[in-house]
Every structure is written in C-alpha cells, then in structure tokens.
Amino acid sequence: MLSLAILVDKIIDIYTWIVIASAIMSWLVAFGVVNTRNQFIRMVVDFLYRVTEPALRPIRRIMPNLGGVDISPVILLLLLFFLRSLLAEYVFANLLR
C-alpha cells in the first residue's frame, strides 16, 4: 500500500510542475516573449493546454470574473497540495496502526 501512495504522490508532484509550467508558458505567450509560430513551442503550448485544461476548466466555471486575471492555476495548485497532505495523513495513520 505504501508503494501505491508513493506513486500517487509522485504523479501529483509531476502534475504540479506541469501546472506551473503551463502558467509560465501562458504568460510568455501573452507577453510575446516566445514565438508561437515556432513548431516546437506550439507543440509544447498545445501539450500543456491539453494536459491542464480539463482540470482548470471546472475551476474557471466556478470562479467569478476577475477582469483579465486568471487565478485558476493557483486554486488547482492549492487543491493538489491539499491532496498530497491528505494522502500523507492517510499513509501515516495506517503506518502507526
């Protein structure tokens, strides 16, 4: 059971970094720092969008419109940190039995 918990923890950790990379890449695209006509950059942006958008879309639907500020990645990161903490509590509670 501990191996499964470690695997889930690592998956959450990797997804956390993907969400961070997606937010940074969206800023770079919005400010014109990277050229989206470059095929490699377009592939990276598309990959990050496809991986993070299913988790961000429901959060965006719930959140009120804040003008041009999108805080849905922050909310998603908080949820991921909460899941990791919950998983750690579950594992430690079962180890102490």
N, C-alpha and C. Protein backbone atom coordinates (compact mmCIF):
# COMPACT_ATOMS: atom_id res chain seq x y z
N MET A 1 0.82 -1.19 0.00
CA MET A 1 0.00 0.00 0.00
C MET A 1 0.86 1.26 0.00
N LEU A 2 2.01 1.18 0.65
CA LEU A 2 2.91 2.33 0.70
C LEU A 2 3.44 2.66 -0.70
N SER A 3 3.71 1.66 -1.49
CA SER A 3 4.20 1.89 -2.86
C SER A 3 3.17 2.62 -3.71
N LEU A 4 1.91 2.27 -3.54
CA LEU A 4 0.85 2.95 -4.28
C LEU A 4 0.73 4.41 -3.85
N ALA A 5 0.85 4.65 -2.56
CA ALA A 5 0.79 6.03 -2.05
C ALA A 5 1.96 6.86 -2.57
N ILE A 6 3.14 6.26 -2.64
CA ILE A 6 4.30 6.97 -3.17
C ILE A 6 4.11 7.27 -4.65
N LEU A 7 3.56 6.32 -5.40
CA LEU A 7 3.29 6.54 -6.82
C LEU A 7 2.30 7.68 -7.03
N VAL A 8 1.21 7.67 -6.27
CA VAL A 8 0.21 8.74 -6.38
C VAL A 8 0.83 10.08 -6.00
N ASP A 9 1.67 10.10 -4.97
CA ASP A 9 2.34 11.33 -4.56
C ASP A 9 3.24 11.86 -5.67
N LYS A 10 3.96 10.98 -6.34
CA LYS A 10 4.84 11.41 -7.44
C LYS A 10 4.04 11.91 -8.63
N ILE A 11 2.90 11.28 -8.92
CA ILE A 11 2.05 11.74 -10.01
C ILE A 11 1.51 13.13 -9.71
N ILE A 12 1.09 13.36 -8.47
CA ILE A 12 0.62 14.69 -8.07
C ILE A 12 1.75 15.70 -8.17
N ASP A 13 2.95 15.29 -7.78
CA ASP A 13 4.11 16.18 -7.87
C ASP A 13 4.42 16.57 -9.31
N ILE A 14 4.41 15.60 -10.21
CA ILE A 14 4.67 15.87 -11.64
C ILE A 14 3.58 16.78 -12.20
N TYR A 15 2.33 16.52 -11.86
CA TYR A 15 1.23 17.35 -12.37
C TYR A 15 1.32 18.77 -11.83
N THR A 16 1.79 18.92 -10.60
CA THR A 16 2.00 20.25 -10.03
C THR A 16 2.99 21.03 -10.88
N TRP A 17 4.09 20.41 -11.26
CA TRP A 17 5.09 21.09 -12.09
C TRP A 17 4.56 21.38 -13.48
N ILE A 18 3.70 20.51 -14.00
CA ILE A 18 3.10 20.77 -15.31
C ILE A 18 2.17 21.98 -15.24
N VAL A 19 1.41 22.11 -14.16
CA VAL A 19 0.53 23.28 -14.00
C VAL A 19 1.36 24.56 -13.90
N ILE A 20 2.45 24.51 -13.17
CA ILE A 20 3.34 25.68 -13.06
C ILE A 20 3.93 26.03 -14.42
N ALA A 21 4.39 25.03 -15.15
CA ALA A 21 4.96 25.27 -16.48
C ALA A 21 3.91 25.84 -17.43
N SER A 22 2.69 25.36 -17.32
CA SER A 22 1.61 25.87 -18.17
C SER A 22 1.31 27.34 -17.87
N ALA A 23 1.29 27.70 -16.60
CA ALA A 23 1.03 29.10 -16.23
C ALA A 23 2.16 30.00 -16.74
N ILE A 24 3.39 29.57 -16.56
CA ILE A 24 4.53 30.37 -17.03
C ILE A 24 4.51 30.49 -18.55
N MET A 25 4.23 29.39 -19.24
CA MET A 25 4.19 29.43 -20.70
C MET A 25 3.07 30.34 -21.19
N SER A 26 1.93 30.33 -20.51
CA SER A 26 0.84 31.21 -20.94
C SER A 26 1.23 32.68 -20.77
N TRP A 27 1.99 33.00 -19.72
CA TRP A 27 2.48 34.37 -19.54
C TRP A 27 3.45 34.74 -20.65
N LEU A 28 4.36 33.82 -20.98
CA LEU A 28 5.34 34.08 -22.03
C LEU A 28 4.67 34.30 -23.38
N VAL A 29 3.63 33.53 -23.65
CA VAL A 29 2.90 33.70 -24.91
C VAL A 29 2.12 35.01 -24.89
N ALA A 30 1.48 35.33 -23.76
CA ALA A 30 0.67 36.55 -23.68
C ALA A 30 1.52 37.81 -23.83
N PHE A 31 2.74 37.79 -23.30
CA PHE A 31 3.60 38.96 -23.38
C PHE A 31 4.49 38.97 -24.62
N GLY A 32 4.33 37.97 -25.48
CA GLY A 32 5.07 37.94 -26.74
C GLY A 32 6.54 37.59 -26.58
N VAL A 33 6.90 36.92 -25.51
CA VAL A 33 8.30 36.55 -25.30
C VAL A 33 8.68 35.37 -26.18
N VAL A 34 7.76 34.43 -26.34
CA VAL A 34 8.03 33.27 -27.20
C VAL A 34 7.19 33.38 -28.46
N ASN A 35 7.70 32.84 -29.52
CA ASN A 35 7.04 32.89 -30.82
C ASN A 35 6.23 31.60 -31.01
N THR A 36 4.92 31.71 -31.02
CA THR A 36 4.08 30.52 -31.17
C THR A 36 4.05 30.00 -32.60
N ARG A 37 4.67 30.71 -33.53
CA ARG A 37 4.77 30.18 -34.89
C ARG A 37 5.87 29.12 -35.00
N ASN A 38 6.73 29.07 -33.99
CA ASN A 38 7.75 28.02 -33.93
C ASN A 38 7.03 26.71 -33.62
N GLN A 39 7.31 25.67 -34.41
CA GLN A 39 6.60 24.40 -34.28
C GLN A 39 6.82 23.76 -32.92
N PHE A 40 8.04 23.79 -32.41
CA PHE A 40 8.32 23.17 -31.12
C PHE A 40 7.57 23.88 -29.99
N ILE A 41 7.59 25.22 -30.01
CA ILE A 41 6.88 25.99 -28.99
C ILE A 41 5.38 25.72 -29.08
N ARG A 42 4.86 25.65 -30.29
CA ARG A 42 3.44 25.37 -30.47
C ARG A 42 3.08 24.00 -29.92
N MET A 43 3.96 23.00 -30.13
CA MET A 43 3.71 21.66 -29.60
C MET A 43 3.72 21.66 -28.07
N VAL A 44 4.67 22.39 -27.47
CA VAL A 44 4.75 22.46 -26.01
C VAL A 44 3.52 23.15 -25.44
N VAL A 45 3.13 24.27 -26.04
CA VAL A 45 1.95 25.00 -25.57
C VAL A 45 0.70 24.13 -25.70
N ASP A 46 0.57 23.44 -26.82
CA ASP A 46 -0.59 22.58 -27.04
C ASP A 46 -0.62 21.43 -26.03
N PHE A 47 0.54 20.81 -25.77
CA PHE A 47 0.61 19.73 -24.79
C PHE A 47 0.20 20.22 -23.40
N LEU A 48 0.77 21.34 -22.99
CA LEU A 48 0.44 21.87 -21.66
C LEU A 48 -1.04 22.24 -21.56
N TYR A 49 -1.58 22.80 -22.62
CA TYR A 49 -3.00 23.15 -22.62
C TYR A 49 -3.87 21.90 -22.50
N ARG A 50 -3.56 20.89 -23.29
CA ARG A 50 -4.37 19.66 -23.28
C ARG A 50 -4.29 18.92 -21.95
N VAL A 51 -3.15 19.00 -21.27
CA VAL A 51 -2.99 18.29 -20.01
C VAL A 51 -3.63 19.04 -18.84
N THR A 52 -3.56 20.36 -18.85
CA THR A 52 -4.06 21.12 -17.70
C THR A 52 -5.49 21.62 -17.87
N GLU A 53 -5.95 21.82 -19.07
CA GLU A 53 -7.28 22.41 -19.28
C GLU A 53 -8.42 21.59 -18.68
N PRO A 54 -8.42 20.25 -18.75
CA PRO A 54 -9.53 19.51 -18.12
C PRO A 54 -9.65 19.76 -16.61
N ALA A 55 -8.56 20.05 -15.94
CA ALA A 55 -8.62 20.33 -14.51
C ALA A 55 -8.92 21.80 -14.24
N LEU A 56 -8.50 22.68 -15.12
CA LEU A 56 -8.70 24.11 -14.91
C LEU A 56 -10.09 24.59 -15.33
N ARG A 57 -10.70 23.95 -16.30
CA ARG A 57 -11.99 24.40 -16.83
C ARG A 57 -13.08 24.42 -15.76
N PRO A 58 -13.25 23.37 -14.94
CA PRO A 58 -14.30 23.44 -13.91
C PRO A 58 -14.03 24.54 -12.87
N ILE A 59 -12.77 24.79 -12.57
CA ILE A 59 -12.43 25.85 -11.62
C ILE A 59 -12.78 27.20 -12.21
N ARG A 60 -12.51 27.39 -13.49
CA ARG A 60 -12.83 28.66 -14.16
C ARG A 60 -14.33 28.91 -14.21
N ARG A 61 -15.11 27.82 -14.34
CA ARG A 61 -16.56 27.97 -14.36
C ARG A 61 -17.09 28.46 -13.02
N ILE A 62 -16.48 28.02 -11.94
CA ILE A 62 -16.93 28.37 -10.59
C ILE A 62 -16.45 29.76 -10.18
N MET A 63 -15.23 30.10 -10.57
CA MET A 63 -14.63 31.37 -10.14
C MET A 63 -15.32 32.56 -10.80
N PRO A 64 -15.46 33.66 -10.07
CA PRO A 64 -16.02 34.87 -10.68
C PRO A 64 -15.01 35.51 -11.63
N ASN A 65 -15.50 36.32 -12.53
CA ASN A 65 -14.63 37.01 -13.49
C ASN A 65 -13.85 38.10 -12.76
N LEU A 66 -12.52 38.01 -12.80
CA LEU A 66 -11.67 38.97 -12.10
C LEU A 66 -11.02 39.96 -13.05
N GLY A 67 -11.64 40.14 -14.19
CA GLY A 67 -11.03 41.06 -15.12
C GLY A 67 -10.00 40.41 -16.04
N GLY A 68 -8.95 40.38 -16.24
CA GLY A 68 -8.01 39.61 -17.08
C GLY A 68 -7.12 38.71 -16.25
N VAL A 69 -7.42 38.59 -14.96
CA VAL A 69 -6.56 37.79 -14.08
C VAL A 69 -7.17 36.40 -13.93
N ASP A 70 -6.39 35.40 -14.25
CA ASP A 70 -6.83 34.01 -14.13
C ASP A 70 -6.11 33.38 -12.96
N ILE A 71 -6.83 33.14 -11.88
CA ILE A 71 -6.21 32.53 -10.70
C ILE A 71 -6.54 31.04 -10.58
N SER A 72 -7.12 30.47 -11.63
CA SER A 72 -7.47 29.06 -11.58
C SER A 72 -6.24 28.15 -11.38
N PRO A 73 -5.06 28.46 -11.95
CA PRO A 73 -3.90 27.61 -11.65
C PRO A 73 -3.52 27.64 -10.16
N VAL A 74 -3.69 28.79 -9.53
CA VAL A 74 -3.38 28.88 -8.10
C VAL A 74 -4.34 28.02 -7.30
N ILE A 75 -5.62 28.06 -7.63
CA ILE A 75 -6.62 27.24 -6.96
C ILE A 75 -6.32 25.76 -7.18
N LEU A 76 -5.97 25.39 -8.40
CA LEU A 76 -5.62 24.00 -8.69
C LEU A 76 -4.40 23.56 -7.91
N LEU A 77 -3.39 24.42 -7.82
CA LEU A 77 -2.20 24.07 -7.04
C LEU A 77 -2.54 23.89 -5.57
N LEU A 78 -3.39 24.74 -5.03
CA LEU A 78 -3.82 24.57 -3.64
C LEU A 78 -4.55 23.24 -3.44
N LEU A 79 -5.39 22.87 -4.40
CA LEU A 79 -6.08 21.59 -4.31
C LEU A 79 -5.09 20.41 -4.39
N LEU A 80 -4.09 20.53 -5.25
CA LEU A 80 -3.09 19.47 -5.35
C LEU A 80 -2.27 19.34 -4.06
N PHE A 81 -1.91 20.48 -3.47
CA PHE A 81 -1.19 20.44 -2.19
C PHE A 81 -2.06 19.83 -1.10
N PHE A 82 -3.35 20.13 -1.12
CA PHE A 82 -4.27 19.55 -0.14
C PHE A 82 -4.35 18.04 -0.33
N LEU A 83 -4.44 17.58 -1.58
CA LEU A 83 -4.49 16.14 -1.85
C LEU A 83 -3.22 15.43 -1.36
N ARG A 84 -2.07 16.06 -1.59
CA ARG A 84 -0.82 15.46 -1.11
C ARG A 84 -0.79 15.37 0.40
N SER A 85 -1.27 16.40 1.07
CA SER A 85 -1.32 16.40 2.52
C SER A 85 -2.29 15.34 3.04
N LEU A 86 -3.43 15.24 2.39
CA LEU A 86 -4.42 14.23 2.78
C LEU A 86 -3.86 12.82 2.58
N LEU A 87 -3.16 12.60 1.50
CA LEU A 87 -2.54 11.31 1.24
C LEU A 87 -1.49 10.98 2.29
N ALA A 88 -0.68 11.96 2.67
CA ALA A 88 0.35 11.75 3.68
C ALA A 88 -0.29 11.42 5.04
N GLU A 89 -1.36 12.11 5.39
CA GLU A 89 -2.05 11.81 6.65
C GLU A 89 -2.59 10.39 6.63
N TYR A 90 -3.16 9.98 5.53
CA TYR A 90 -3.72 8.62 5.42
C TYR A 90 -2.62 7.57 5.56
N VAL A 91 -1.51 7.79 4.90
CA VAL A 91 -0.41 6.82 4.95
C VAL A 91 0.17 6.74 6.36
N PHE A 92 0.40 7.89 6.98
CA PHE A 92 0.97 7.88 8.33
C PHE A 92 0.01 7.30 9.35
N ALA A 93 -1.28 7.54 9.18
CA ALA A 93 -2.26 6.96 10.10
C ALA A 93 -2.28 5.45 9.98
N ASN A 94 -2.13 4.94 8.77
CA ASN A 94 -2.12 3.49 8.59
C ASN A 94 -0.80 2.86 9.02
N LEU A 95 0.29 3.59 8.95
CA LEU A 95 1.58 3.05 9.39
C LEU A 95 1.65 2.95 10.91
N LEU A 96 0.95 3.83 11.61
CA LEU A 96 1.00 3.84 13.05
C LEU A 96 0.11 2.78 13.68
N ARG A 97 -0.74 2.14 12.93
CA ARG A 97 -1.63 1.10 13.46
C ARG A 97 -0.89 -0.12 13.85
